[in-house]
Amino acid sequence: MGPDLYEAAALDGAGAWRQFISVTLPGLRQVMTFVITITILASANMFGQSFLITKGGPGNTTRTAIMYIADQGLSQNNLAAAAAMSYVLFAFLAIISIINFRLQRERAEKNLS
């Protein structure tokens, strides 16, 4: 993404905001998709920080999905519910990853042709 694209947009009469929307964001699409996906995957697996700092409290305001699954399986001895919740979480994260891979592949195919 060189200055040529910004120069062409300026010659077409695009202001700073239009250049950002039409030139900068499409150039950052691949990076933003990757960062958003990794952030979702990392936040879904967050356990240590919340447990060490607050243990899920006050109340359950900082309890994450992983903390709830661990509590159900280990403290409440409800292994079936914990296993089911783990499968649902896995399916959700797998869908997010598949969407990311497809978006990345489409972008790569466009760059090759």
PDB file of N, CA and C in Angstrom:
ATOM      1  N   MET A   1       0.859  -1.168   0.000  1.00  0.00           N
ATOM      2  CA  MET A   1       0.000   0.000   0.000  1.00  0.00           C
ATOM      3  C   MET A   1       0.900   1.224   0.000  1.00  0.00           C
ATOM      4  N   GLY A   2       1.130   1.745  -1.169  1.00  0.00           N
ATOM      5  CA  GLY A   2       2.051   2.853  -1.279  1.00  0.00           C
ATOM      6  C   GLY A   2       1.338   4.190  -1.345  1.00  0.00           C
ATOM      7  N   PRO A   3       2.129   5.201  -1.417  1.00  0.00           N
ATOM      8  CA  PRO A   3       1.569   6.551  -1.508  1.00  0.00           C
ATOM      9  C   PRO A   3       0.808   6.790  -2.807  1.00  0.00           C
ATOM     10  N   ASP A   4       1.024   5.921  -3.792  1.00  0.00           N
ATOM     11  CA  ASP A   4       0.311   6.069  -5.065  1.00  0.00           C
ATOM     12  C   ASP A   4      -1.198   5.966  -4.876  1.00  0.00           C
ATOM     13  N   LEU A   5      -1.639   5.045  -4.022  1.00  0.00           N
ATOM     14  CA  LEU A   5      -3.073   4.888  -3.792  1.00  0.00           C
ATOM     15  C   LEU A   5      -3.670   6.132  -3.137  1.00  0.00           C
ATOM     16  N   TYR A   6      -2.946   6.680  -2.184  1.00  0.00           N
ATOM     17  CA  TYR A   6      -3.437   7.898  -1.519  1.00  0.00           C
ATOM     18  C   TYR A   6      -3.429   9.088  -2.477  1.00  0.00           C
ATOM     19  N   GLU A   7      -2.411   9.145  -3.327  1.00  0.00           N
ATOM     20  CA  GLU A   7      -2.348  10.221  -4.311  1.00  0.00           C
ATOM     21  C   GLU A   7      -3.491  10.108  -5.314  1.00  0.00           C
ATOM     22  N   ALA A   8      -3.779   8.884  -5.750  1.00  0.00           N
ATOM     23  CA  ALA A   8      -4.888   8.673  -6.687  1.00  0.00           C
ATOM     24  C   ALA A   8      -6.218   9.039  -6.041  1.00  0.00           C
ATOM     25  N   ALA A   9      -6.384   8.679  -4.772  1.00  0.00           N
ATOM     26  CA  ALA A   9      -7.618   9.022  -4.069  1.00  0.00           C
ATOM     27  C   ALA A   9      -7.745  10.536  -3.913  1.00  0.00           C
ATOM     28  N   ALA A  10      -6.645  11.200  -3.623  1.00  0.00           N
ATOM     29  CA  ALA A  10      -6.679  12.663  -3.486  1.00  0.00           C
ATOM     30  C   ALA A  10      -7.010  13.320  -4.822  1.00  0.00           C
ATOM     31  N   LEU A  11      -6.474  12.799  -5.916  1.00  0.00           N
ATOM     32  CA  LEU A  11      -6.781  13.348  -7.243  1.00  0.00           C
ATOM     33  C   LEU A  11      -8.244  13.143  -7.603  1.00  0.00           C
ATOM     34  N   ASP A  12      -8.846  12.076  -7.089  1.00  0.00           N
ATOM     35  CA  ASP A  12     -10.266  11.812  -7.328  1.00  0.00           C
ATOM     36  C   ASP A  12     -11.152  12.659  -6.425  1.00  0.00           C
ATOM     37  N   GLY A  13     -10.545  13.426  -5.530  1.00  0.00           N
ATOM     38  CA  GLY A  13     -11.320  14.314  -4.672  1.00  0.00           C
ATOM     39  C   GLY A  13     -11.667  13.732  -3.312  1.00  0.00           C
ATOM     40  N   ALA A  14     -11.043  12.634  -2.937  1.00  0.00           N
ATOM     41  CA  ALA A  14     -11.334  12.033  -1.638  1.00  0.00           C
ATOM     42  C   ALA A  14     -10.634  12.815  -0.535  1.00  0.00           C
ATOM     43  N   GLY A  15     -11.378  13.078   0.528  1.00  0.00           N
ATOM     44  CA  GLY A  15     -10.798  13.730   1.690  1.00  0.00           C
ATOM     45  C   GLY A  15     -10.089  12.706   2.569  1.00  0.00           C
ATOM     46  N   ALA A  16      -9.642  13.174   3.715  1.00  0.00           N
ATOM     47  CA  ALA A  16      -8.893  12.295   4.618  1.00  0.00           C
ATOM     48  C   ALA A  16      -9.751  11.127   5.099  1.00  0.00           C
ATOM     49  N   TRP A  17     -11.009  11.401   5.442  1.00  0.00           N
ATOM     50  CA  TRP A  17     -11.886  10.333   5.930  1.00  0.00           C
ATOM     51  C   TRP A  17     -12.159   9.308   4.839  1.00  0.00           C
ATOM     52  N   ARG A  18     -12.421   9.780   3.628  1.00  0.00           N
ATOM     53  CA  ARG A  18     -12.709   8.864   2.512  1.00  0.00           C
ATOM     54  C   ARG A  18     -11.476   8.043   2.168  1.00  0.00           C
ATOM     55  N   GLN A  19     -10.291   8.634   2.257  1.00  0.00           N
ATOM     56  CA  GLN A  19      -9.056   7.889   2.010  1.00  0.00           C
ATOM     57  C   GLN A  19      -8.883   6.795   3.065  1.00  0.00           C
ATOM     58  N   PHE A  20      -9.215   7.117   4.300  1.00  0.00           N
ATOM     59  CA  PHE A  20      -9.113   6.117   5.364  1.00  0.00           C
ATOM     60  C   PHE A  20     -10.050   4.952   5.098  1.00  0.00           C
ATOM     61  N   ILE A  21     -11.305   5.262   4.733  1.00  0.00           N
ATOM     62  CA  ILE A  21     -12.302   4.220   4.490  1.00  0.00           C
ATOM     63  C   ILE A  21     -11.981   3.411   3.234  1.00  0.00           C
ATOM     64  N   SER A  22     -11.553   4.075   2.173  1.00  0.00           N
ATOM     65  CA  SER A  22     -11.392   3.410   0.875  1.00  0.00           C
ATOM     66  C   SER A  22      -9.999   2.856   0.607  1.00  0.00           C
ATOM     67  N   VAL A  23      -8.975   3.362   1.303  1.00  0.00           N
ATOM     68  CA  VAL A  23      -7.612   2.920   1.016  1.00  0.00           C
ATOM     69  C   VAL A  23      -6.990   2.216   2.225  1.00  0.00           C
ATOM     70  N   THR A  24      -7.040   2.853   3.380  1.00  0.00           N
ATOM     71  CA  THR A  24      -6.347   2.303   4.550  1.00  0.00           C
ATOM     72  C   THR A  24      -7.018   1.052   5.081  1.00  0.00           C
ATOM     73  N   LEU A  25      -8.330   1.099   5.330  1.00  0.00           N
ATOM     74  CA  LEU A  25      -9.023  -0.065   5.891  1.00  0.00           C
ATOM     75  C   LEU A  25      -8.948  -1.307   4.999  1.00  0.00           C
ATOM     76  N   PRO A  26      -9.184  -1.202   3.697  1.00  0.00           N
ATOM     77  CA  PRO A  26      -9.032  -2.408   2.871  1.00  0.00           C
ATOM     78  C   PRO A  26      -7.607  -2.968   2.900  1.00  0.00           C
ATOM     79  N   GLY A  27      -6.619  -2.106   3.050  1.00  0.00           N
ATOM     80  CA  GLY A  27      -5.237  -2.569   3.142  1.00  0.00           C
ATOM     81  C   GLY A  27      -4.940  -3.282   4.451  1.00  0.00           C
ATOM     82  N   LEU A  28      -5.679  -2.954   5.480  1.00  0.00           N
ATOM     83  CA  LEU A  28      -5.474  -3.558   6.800  1.00  0.00           C
ATOM     84  C   LEU A  28      -6.432  -4.710   7.086  1.00  0.00           C
ATOM     85  N   ARG A  29      -7.250  -5.080   6.132  1.00  0.00           N
ATOM     86  CA  ARG A  29      -8.281  -6.099   6.365  1.00  0.00           C
ATOM     87  C   ARG A  29      -7.693  -7.417   6.853  1.00  0.00           C
ATOM     88  N   GLN A  30      -6.638  -7.875   6.220  1.00  0.00           N
ATOM     89  CA  GLN A  30      -6.052  -9.159   6.570  1.00  0.00           C
ATOM     90  C   GLN A  30      -5.487  -9.124   7.997  1.00  0.00           C
ATOM     91  N   VAL A  31      -4.816  -8.062   8.348  1.00  0.00           N
ATOM     92  CA  VAL A  31      -4.246  -7.937   9.689  1.00  0.00           C
ATOM     93  C   VAL A  31      -5.355  -7.817  10.729  1.00  0.00           C
ATOM     94  N   MET A  32      -6.379  -7.013  10.444  1.00  0.00           N
ATOM     95  CA  MET A  32      -7.477  -6.849  11.407  1.00  0.00           C
ATOM     96  C   MET A  32      -8.217  -8.159  11.623  1.00  0.00           C
ATOM     97  N   THR A  33      -8.436  -8.918  10.579  1.00  0.00           N
ATOM     98  CA  THR A  33      -9.115 -10.208  10.716  1.00  0.00           C
ATOM     99  C   THR A  33      -8.314 -11.141  11.615  1.00  0.00           C
ATOM    100  N   PHE A  34      -7.018 -11.201  11.409  1.00  0.00           N
ATOM    101  CA  PHE A  34      -6.156 -12.054  12.223  1.00  0.00           C
ATOM    102  C   PHE A  34      -6.158 -11.604  13.681  1.00  0.00           C
ATOM    103  N   VAL A  35      -6.009 -10.317  13.922  1.00  0.00           N
ATOM    104  CA  VAL A  35      -5.954  -9.801  15.296  1.00  0.00           C
ATOM    105  C   VAL A  35      -7.278 -10.026  16.019  1.00  0.00           C
ATOM    106  N   ILE A  36      -8.390  -9.794  15.355  1.00  0.00           N
ATOM    107  CA  ILE A  36      -9.703  -9.993  15.975  1.00  0.00           C
ATOM    108  C   ILE A  36      -9.895 -11.469  16.322  1.00  0.00           C
ATOM    109  N   THR A  37      -9.516 -12.357  15.410  1.00  0.00           N
ATOM    110  CA  THR A  37      -9.672 -13.789  15.669  1.00  0.00           C
ATOM    111  C   THR A  37      -8.808 -14.233  16.845  1.00  0.00           C
ATOM    112  N   ILE A  38      -7.561 -13.832  16.870  1.00  0.00           N
ATOM    113  CA  ILE A  38      -6.671 -14.216  17.963  1.00  0.00           C
ATOM    114  C   ILE A  38      -7.160 -13.640  19.286  1.00  0.00           C
ATOM    115  N   THR A  39      -7.686 -12.420  19.277  1.00  0.00           N
ATOM    116  CA  THR A  39      -8.213 -11.813  20.498  1.00  0.00           C
ATOM    117  C   THR A  39      -9.421 -12.580  21.013  1.00  0.00           C
ATOM    118  N   ILE A  40     -10.315 -12.986  20.126  1.00  0.00           N
ATOM    119  CA  ILE A  40     -11.488 -13.768  20.539  1.00  0.00           C
ATOM    120  C   ILE A  40     -11.056 -15.105  21.121  1.00  0.00           C
ATOM    121  N   LEU A  41     -10.120 -15.781  20.458  1.00  0.00           N
ATOM    122  CA  LEU A  41      -9.659 -17.077  20.945  1.00  0.00           C
ATOM    123  C   LEU A  41      -8.965 -16.939  22.303  1.00  0.00           C
ATOM    124  N   ALA A  42      -8.147 -15.915  22.463  1.00  0.00           N
ATOM    125  CA  ALA A  42      -7.433 -15.726  23.728  1.00  0.00           C
ATOM    126  C   ALA A  42      -8.374 -15.343  24.857  1.00  0.00           C
ATOM    127  N   SER A  43      -9.344 -14.488  24.571  1.00  0.00           N
ATOM    128  CA  SER A  43     -10.264 -14.069  25.632  1.00  0.00           C
ATOM    129  C   SER A  43     -11.212 -15.190  26.029  1.00  0.00           C
ATOM    130  N   ALA A  44     -11.534 -16.080  25.096  1.00  0.00           N
ATOM    131  CA  ALA A  44     -12.401 -17.205  25.443  1.00  0.00           C
ATOM    132  C   ALA A  44     -11.678 -18.190  26.352  1.00  0.00           C
ATOM    133  N   ASN A  45     -10.374 -18.225  26.285  1.00  0.00           N
ATOM    134  CA  ASN A  45      -9.592 -19.151  27.091  1.00  0.00           C
ATOM    135  C   ASN A  45      -8.972 -18.496  28.323  1.00  0.00           C
ATOM    136  N   MET A  46      -9.412 -17.309  28.667  1.00  0.00           N
ATOM    137  CA  MET A  46      -8.841 -16.602  29.810  1.00  0.00           C
ATOM    138  C   MET A  46      -9.323 -17.234  31.120  1.00  0.00           C
ATOM    139  N   PHE A  47      -8.410 -17.725  31.896  1.00  0.00           N
ATOM    140  CA  PHE A  47      -8.746 -18.315  33.192  1.00  0.00           C
ATOM    141  C   PHE A  47      -7.863 -17.733  34.293  1.00  0.00           C
ATOM    142  N   GLY A  48      -6.575 -17.785  34.088  1.00  0.00           N
ATOM    143  CA  GLY A  48      -5.619 -17.455  35.136  1.00  0.00           C
ATOM    144  C   GLY A  48      -5.746 -16.059  35.691  1.00  0.00           C
ATOM    145  N   GLN A  49      -5.876 -15.072  34.818  1.00  0.00           N
ATOM    146  CA  GLN A  49      -5.923 -13.691  35.282  1.00  0.00           C
ATOM    147  C   GLN A  49      -7.118 -13.448  36.194  1.00  0.00           C
ATOM    148  N   SER A  50      -8.290 -13.841  35.743  1.00  0.00           N
ATOM    149  CA  SER A  50      -9.495 -13.610  36.547  1.00  0.00           C
ATOM    150  C   SER A  50      -9.476 -14.414  37.838  1.00  0.00           C
ATOM    151  N   PHE A  51      -8.987 -15.630  37.774  1.00  0.00           N
ATOM    152  CA  PHE A  51      -8.992 -16.468  38.963  1.00  0.00           C
ATOM    153  C   PHE A  51      -8.001 -15.944  39.999  1.00  0.00           C
ATOM    154  N   LEU A  52      -6.811 -15.584  39.558  1.00  0.00           N
ATOM    155  CA  LEU A  52      -5.800 -15.112  40.504  1.00  0.00           C
ATOM    156  C   LEU A  52      -6.146 -13.767  41.120  1.00  0.00           C
ATOM    157  N   ILE A  53      -6.740 -12.879  40.344  1.00  0.00           N
ATOM    158  CA  ILE A  53      -7.008 -11.535  40.842  1.00  0.00           C
ATOM    159  C   ILE A  53      -8.307 -11.476  41.638  1.00  0.00           C
ATOM    160  N   THR A  54      -9.388 -12.058  41.126  1.00  0.00           N
ATOM    161  CA  THR A  54     -10.695 -11.857  41.766  1.00  0.00           C
ATOM    162  C   THR A  54     -11.419 -13.137  42.136  1.00  0.00           C
ATOM    163  N   LYS A  55     -10.946 -14.282  41.658  1.00  0.00           N
ATOM    164  CA  LYS A  55     -11.642 -15.565  41.843  1.00  0.00           C
ATOM    165  C   LYS A  55     -13.092 -15.499  41.346  1.00  0.00           C
ATOM    166  N   GLY A  56     -13.342 -14.689  40.334  1.00  0.00           N
ATOM    167  CA  GLY A  56     -14.669 -14.586  39.735  1.00  0.00           C
ATOM    168  C   GLY A  56     -15.560 -13.553  40.384  1.00  0.00           C
ATOM    169  N   GLY A  57     -15.117 -12.925  41.431  1.00  0.00           N
ATOM    170  CA  GLY A  57     -15.972 -11.994  42.179  1.00  0.00           C
ATOM    171  C   GLY A  57     -15.745 -10.567  41.766  1.00  0.00           C
ATOM    172  N   PRO A  58     -16.451  -9.630  42.336  1.00  0.00           N
ATOM    173  CA  PRO A  58     -17.521  -9.801  43.316  1.00  0.00           C
ATOM    174  C   PRO A  58     -18.755 -10.430  42.674  1.00  0.00           C
ATOM    175  N   GLY A  59     -19.333 -11.324  43.401  1.00  0.00           N
ATOM    176  CA  GLY A  59     -20.423 -12.127  42.838  1.00  0.00           C
ATOM    177  C   GLY A  59     -19.848 -13.016  41.759  1.00  0.00           C
ATOM    178  N   ASN A  60     -20.376 -12.909  40.567  1.00  0.00           N
ATOM    179  CA  ASN A  60     -19.846 -13.641  39.411  1.00  0.00           C
ATOM    180  C   ASN A  60     -19.515 -12.692  38.272  1.00  0.00           C
ATOM    181  N   THR A  61     -19.228 -11.443  38.585  1.00  0.00           N
ATOM    182  CA  THR A  61     -19.072 -10.441  37.531  1.00  0.00           C
ATOM    183  C   THR A  61     -17.835 -10.639  36.674  1.00  0.00           C
ATOM    184  N   THR A  62     -16.778 -11.235  37.215  1.00  0.00           N
ATOM    185  CA  THR A  62     -15.577 -11.443  36.406  1.00  0.00           C
ATOM    186  C   THR A  62     -15.348 -12.913  36.081  1.00  0.00           C
ATOM    187  N   ARG A  63     -16.346 -13.732  36.245  1.00  0.00           N
ATOM    188  CA  ARG A  63     -16.226 -15.163  35.936  1.00  0.00           C
ATOM    189  C   ARG A  63     -16.298 -15.357  34.427  1.00  0.00           C
ATOM    190  N   THR A  64     -15.334 -16.081  33.909  1.00  0.00           N
ATOM    191  CA  THR A  64     -15.299 -16.354  32.470  1.00  0.00           C
ATOM    192  C   THR A  64     -15.940 -17.710  32.189  1.00  0.00           C
ATOM    193  N   ALA A  65     -16.108 -18.011  30.921  1.00  0.00           N
ATOM    194  CA  ALA A  65     -16.711 -19.289  30.537  1.00  0.00           C
ATOM    195  C   ALA A  65     -15.849 -20.458  30.998  1.00  0.00           C
ATOM    196  N   ILE A  66     -14.544 -20.325  30.871  1.00  0.00           N
ATOM    197  CA  ILE A  66     -13.644 -21.390  31.302  1.00  0.00           C
ATOM    198  C   ILE A  66     -13.725 -21.580  32.811  1.00  0.00           C
ATOM    199  N   MET A  67     -13.824 -20.494  33.565  1.00  0.00           N
ATOM    200  CA  MET A  67     -13.956 -20.609  35.027  1.00  0.00           C
ATOM    201  C   MET A  67     -15.247 -21.327  35.393  1.00  0.00           C
ATOM    202  N   TYR A  68     -16.320 -21.015  34.680  1.00  0.00           N
ATOM    203  CA  TYR A  68     -17.601 -21.664  34.967  1.00  0.00           C
ATOM    204  C   TYR A  68     -17.543 -23.153  34.644  1.00  0.00           C
ATOM    205  N   ILE A  69     -16.925 -23.496  33.527  1.00  0.00           N
ATOM    206  CA  ILE A  69     -16.794 -24.902  33.154  1.00  0.00           C
ATOM    207  C   ILE A  69     -15.956 -25.646  34.192  1.00  0.00           C
ATOM    208  N   ALA A  70     -14.850 -25.045  34.611  1.00  0.00           N
ATOM    209  CA  ALA A  70     -14.002 -25.683  35.627  1.00  0.00           C
ATOM    210  C   ALA A  70     -14.748 -25.836  36.947  1.00  0.00           C
ATOM    211  N   ASP A  71     -15.525 -24.832  37.325  1.00  0.00           N
ATOM    212  CA  ASP A  71     -16.292 -24.905  38.570  1.00  0.00           C
ATOM    213  C   ASP A  71     -17.325 -26.027  38.504  1.00  0.00           C
ATOM    214  N   GLN A  72     -18.021 -26.117  37.389  1.00  0.00           N
ATOM    215  CA  GLN A  72     -19.027 -27.170  37.245  1.00  0.00           C
ATOM    216  C   GLN A  72     -18.394 -28.559  37.286  1.00  0.00           C
ATOM    217  N   GLY A  73     -17.279 -28.713  36.608  1.00  0.00           N
ATOM    218  CA  GLY A  73     -16.661 -30.028  36.535  1.00  0.00           C
ATOM    219  C   GLY A  73     -15.896 -30.429  37.779  1.00  0.00           C
ATOM    220  N   LEU A  74     -15.178 -29.489  38.384  1.00  0.00           N
ATOM    221  CA  LEU A  74     -14.300 -29.836  39.493  1.00  0.00           C
ATOM    222  C   LEU A  74     -14.937 -29.619  40.860  1.00  0.00           C
ATOM    223  N   SER A  75     -15.606 -28.491  41.045  1.00  0.00           N
ATOM    224  CA  SER A  75     -16.173 -28.185  42.371  1.00  0.00           C
ATOM    225  C   SER A  75     -17.559 -28.791  42.557  1.00  0.00           C
ATOM    226  N   GLN A  76     -18.381 -28.727  41.525  1.00  0.00           N
ATOM    227  CA  GLN A  76     -19.759 -29.189  41.636  1.00  0.00           C
ATOM    228  C   GLN A  76     -19.923 -30.660  41.237  1.00  0.00           C
ATOM    229  N   ASN A  77     -18.868 -31.283  40.767  1.00  0.00           N
ATOM    230  CA  ASN A  77     -18.904 -32.673  40.295  1.00  0.00           C
ATOM    231  C   ASN A  77     -19.983 -32.908  39.237  1.00  0.00           C
ATOM    232  N   ASN A  78     -20.203 -31.918  38.417  1.00  0.00           N
ATOM    233  CA  ASN A  78     -21.181 -32.015  37.333  1.00  0.00           C
ATOM    234  C   ASN A  78     -20.396 -32.175  36.025  1.00  0.00           C
ATOM    235  N   LEU A  79     -19.797 -33.330  35.856  1.00  0.00           N
ATOM    236  CA  LEU A  79     -18.898 -33.556  34.729  1.00  0.00           C
ATOM    237  C   LEU A  79     -19.611 -33.572  33.382  1.00  0.00           C
ATOM    238  N   ALA A  80     -20.839 -34.043  33.349  1.00  0.00           N
ATOM    239  CA  ALA A  80     -21.575 -34.087  32.079  1.00  0.00           C
ATOM    240  C   ALA A  80     -21.843 -32.682  31.559  1.00  0.00           C
ATOM    241  N   ALA A  81     -22.286 -31.792  32.446  1.00  0.00           N
ATOM    242  CA  ALA A  81     -22.547 -30.408  32.028  1.00  0.00           C
ATOM    243  C   ALA A  81     -21.254 -29.716  31.621  1.00  0.00           C
ATOM    244  N   ALA A  82     -20.181 -29.958  32.359  1.00  0.00           N
ATOM    245  CA  ALA A  82     -18.899 -29.345  32.020  1.00  0.00           C
ATOM    246  C   ALA A  82     -18.406 -29.833  30.656  1.00  0.00           C
ATOM    247  N   ALA A  83     -18.569 -31.125  30.394  1.00  0.00           N
ATOM    248  CA  ALA A  83     -18.159 -31.666  29.097  1.00  0.00           C
ATOM    249  C   ALA A  83     -18.997 -31.082  27.969  1.00  0.00           C
ATOM    250  N   ALA A  84     -20.297 -30.960  28.187  1.00  0.00           N
ATOM    251  CA  ALA A  84     -21.174 -30.393  27.158  1.00  0.00           C
ATOM    252  C   ALA A  84     -20.814 -28.938  26.880  1.00  0.00           C
ATOM    253  N   MET A  85     -20.567 -28.181  27.945  1.00  0.00           N
ATOM    254  CA  MET A  85     -20.189 -26.777  27.759  1.00  0.00           C
ATOM    255  C   MET A  85     -18.848 -26.662  27.044  1.00  0.00           C
ATOM    256  N   SER A  86     -17.939 -27.577  27.328  1.00  0.00           N
ATOM    257  CA  SER A  86     -16.639 -27.566  26.650  1.00  0.00           C
ATOM    258  C   SER A  86     -16.793 -27.826  25.159  1.00  0.00           C
ATOM    259  N   TYR A  87     -17.679 -28.752  24.793  1.00  0.00           N
ATOM    260  CA  TYR A  87     -17.926 -29.014  23.378  1.00  0.00           C
ATOM    261  C   TYR A  87     -18.553 -27.814  22.682  1.00  0.00           C
ATOM    262  N   VAL A  88     -19.468 -27.140  23.345  1.00  0.00           N
ATOM    263  CA  VAL A  88     -20.089 -25.952  22.751  1.00  0.00           C
ATOM    264  C   VAL A  88     -19.050 -24.850  22.569  1.00  0.00           C
ATOM    265  N   LEU A  89     -18.206 -24.640  23.573  1.00  0.00           N
ATOM    266  CA  LEU A  89     -17.145 -23.641  23.457  1.00  0.00           C
ATOM    267  C   LEU A  89     -16.184 -24.007  22.331  1.00  0.00           C
ATOM    268  N   PHE A  90     -15.821 -25.281  22.249  1.00  0.00           N
ATOM    269  CA  PHE A  90     -14.956 -25.737  21.168  1.00  0.00           C
ATOM    270  C   PHE A  90     -15.587 -25.464  19.803  1.00  0.00           C
ATOM    271  N   ALA A  91     -16.874 -25.776  19.657  1.00  0.00           N
ATOM    272  CA  ALA A  91     -17.555 -25.560  18.377  1.00  0.00           C
ATOM    273  C   ALA A  91     -17.567 -24.076  18.010  1.00  0.00           C
ATOM    274  N   PHE A  92     -17.837 -23.220  18.993  1.00  0.00           N
ATOM    275  CA  PHE A  92     -17.845 -21.779  18.751  1.00  0.00           C
ATOM    276  C   PHE A  92     -16.463 -21.298  18.295  1.00  0.00           C
ATOM    277  N   LEU A  93     -15.417 -21.718  18.989  1.00  0.00           N
ATOM    278  CA  LEU A  93     -14.066 -21.288  18.629  1.00  0.00           C
ATOM    279  C   LEU A  93     -13.623 -21.888  17.297  1.00  0.00           C
ATOM    280  N   ALA A  94     -14.059 -23.096  16.996  1.00  0.00           N
ATOM    281  CA  ALA A  94     -13.732 -23.704  15.705  1.00  0.00           C
ATOM    282  C   ALA A  94     -14.401 -22.946  14.562  1.00  0.00           C
ATOM    283  N   ILE A  95     -15.642 -22.523  14.756  1.00  0.00           N
ATOM    284  CA  ILE A  95     -16.345 -21.747  13.725  1.00  0.00           C
ATOM    285  C   ILE A  95     -15.644 -20.419  13.486  1.00  0.00           C
ATOM    286  N   ILE A  96     -15.243 -19.752  14.563  1.00  0.00           N
ATOM    287  CA  ILE A  96     -14.512 -18.481  14.425  1.00  0.00           C
ATOM    288  C   ILE A  96     -13.217 -18.706  13.649  1.00  0.00           C
ATOM    289  N   SER A  97     -12.491 -19.777  13.957  1.00  0.00           N
ATOM    290  CA  SER A  97     -11.229 -20.073  13.269  1.00  0.00           C
ATOM    291  C   SER A  97     -11.465 -20.395  11.793  1.00  0.00           C
ATOM    292  N   ILE A  98     -12.498 -21.155  11.488  1.00  0.00           N
ATOM    293  CA  ILE A  98     -12.789 -21.503  10.096  1.00  0.00           C
ATOM    294  C   ILE A  98     -13.138 -20.253   9.290  1.00  0.00           C
ATOM    295  N   ILE A  99     -13.918 -19.375   9.886  1.00  0.00           N
ATOM    296  CA  ILE A  99     -14.246 -18.117   9.205  1.00  0.00           C
ATOM    297  C   ILE A  99     -12.978 -17.329   8.924  1.00  0.00           C
ATOM    298  N   ASN A 100     -12.085 -17.274   9.902  1.00  0.00           N
ATOM    299  CA  ASN A 100     -10.823 -16.558   9.713  1.00  0.00           C
ATOM    300  C   ASN A 100     -10.003 -17.170   8.593  1.00  0.00           C
ATOM    301  N   PHE A 101      -9.866 -18.491   8.574  1.00  0.00           N
ATOM    302  CA  PHE A 101      -9.096 -19.144   7.527  1.00  0.00           C
ATOM    303  C   PHE A 101      -9.697 -18.898   6.148  1.00  0.00           C
ATOM    304  N   ARG A 102     -11.002 -18.926   6.051  1.00  0.00           N
ATOM    305  CA  ARG A 102     -11.647 -18.687   4.749  1.00  0.00           C
ATOM    306  C   ARG A 102     -11.422 -17.253   4.279  1.00  0.00           C
ATOM    307  N   LEU A 103     -11.541 -16.299   5.199  1.00  0.00           N
ATOM    308  CA  LEU A 103     -11.301 -14.904   4.825  1.00  0.00           C
ATOM    309  C   LEU A 103      -9.857 -14.695   4.398  1.00  0.00           C
ATOM    310  N   GLN A 104      -8.928 -15.316   5.104  1.00  0.00           N
ATOM    311  CA  GLN A 104      -7.517 -15.181   4.749  1.00  0.00           C
ATOM    312  C   GLN A 104      -7.235 -15.825   3.394  1.00  0.00           C
ATOM    313  N   ARG A 105      -7.846 -16.974   3.134  1.00  0.00           N
ATOM    314  CA  ARG A 105      -7.624 -17.670   1.870  1.00  0.00           C
ATOM    315  C   ARG A 105      -8.192 -16.867   0.698  1.00  0.00           C
ATOM    316  N   GLU A 106      -9.388 -16.294   0.875  1.00  0.00           N
ATOM    317  CA  GLU A 106      -9.979 -15.484  -0.190  1.00  0.00           C
ATOM    318  C   GLU A 106      -9.078 -14.307  -0.531  1.00  0.00           C
ATOM    319  N   ARG A 107      -8.539 -13.691   0.507  1.00  0.00           N
ATOM    320  CA  ARG A 107      -7.655 -12.544   0.304  1.00  0.00           C
ATOM    321  C   ARG A 107      -6.386 -12.970  -0.425  1.00  0.00           C
ATOM    322  N   ALA A 108      -5.819 -14.118  -0.039  1.00  0.00           N
ATOM    323  CA  ALA A 108      -4.602 -14.605  -0.678  1.00  0.00           C
ATOM    324  C   ALA A 108      -4.858 -14.951  -2.140  1.00  0.00           C
ATOM    325  N   GLU A 109      -6.005 -15.543  -2.438  1.00  0.00           N
ATOM    326  CA  GLU A 109      -6.334 -15.891  -3.823  1.00  0.00           C
ATOM    327  C   GLU A 109      -6.505 -14.652  -4.687  1.00  0.00           C
ATOM    328  N   LYS A 110      -7.078 -13.583  -4.109  1.00  0.00           N
ATOM    329  CA  LYS A 110      -7.229 -12.344  -4.849  1.00  0.00           C
ATOM    330  C   LYS A 110      -5.867 -11.722  -5.147  1.00  0.00           C
ATOM    331  N   ASN A 111      -4.939 -11.832  -4.196  1.00  0.00           N
ATOM    332  CA  ASN A 111      -3.604 -11.276  -4.407  1.00  0.00           C
ATOM    333  C   ASN A 111      -2.815 -12.044  -5.445  1.00  0.00           C
ATOM    334  N   LEU A 112      -3.071 -13.342  -5.583  1.00  0.00           N
ATOM    335  CA  LEU A 112      -2.352 -14.144  -6.567  1.00  0.00           C
ATOM    336  C   LEU A 112      -2.846 -13.907  -7.974  1.00  0.00           C
ATOM    337  N   SER A 113      -4.118 -13.590  -8.122  1.00  0.00           N
ATOM    338  CA  SER A 113      -4.651 -13.417  -9.486  1.00  0.00           C
ATOM    339  C   SER A 113      -4.589 -11.996  -9.961  1.00  0.00           C
TER     340      SER A 113
END
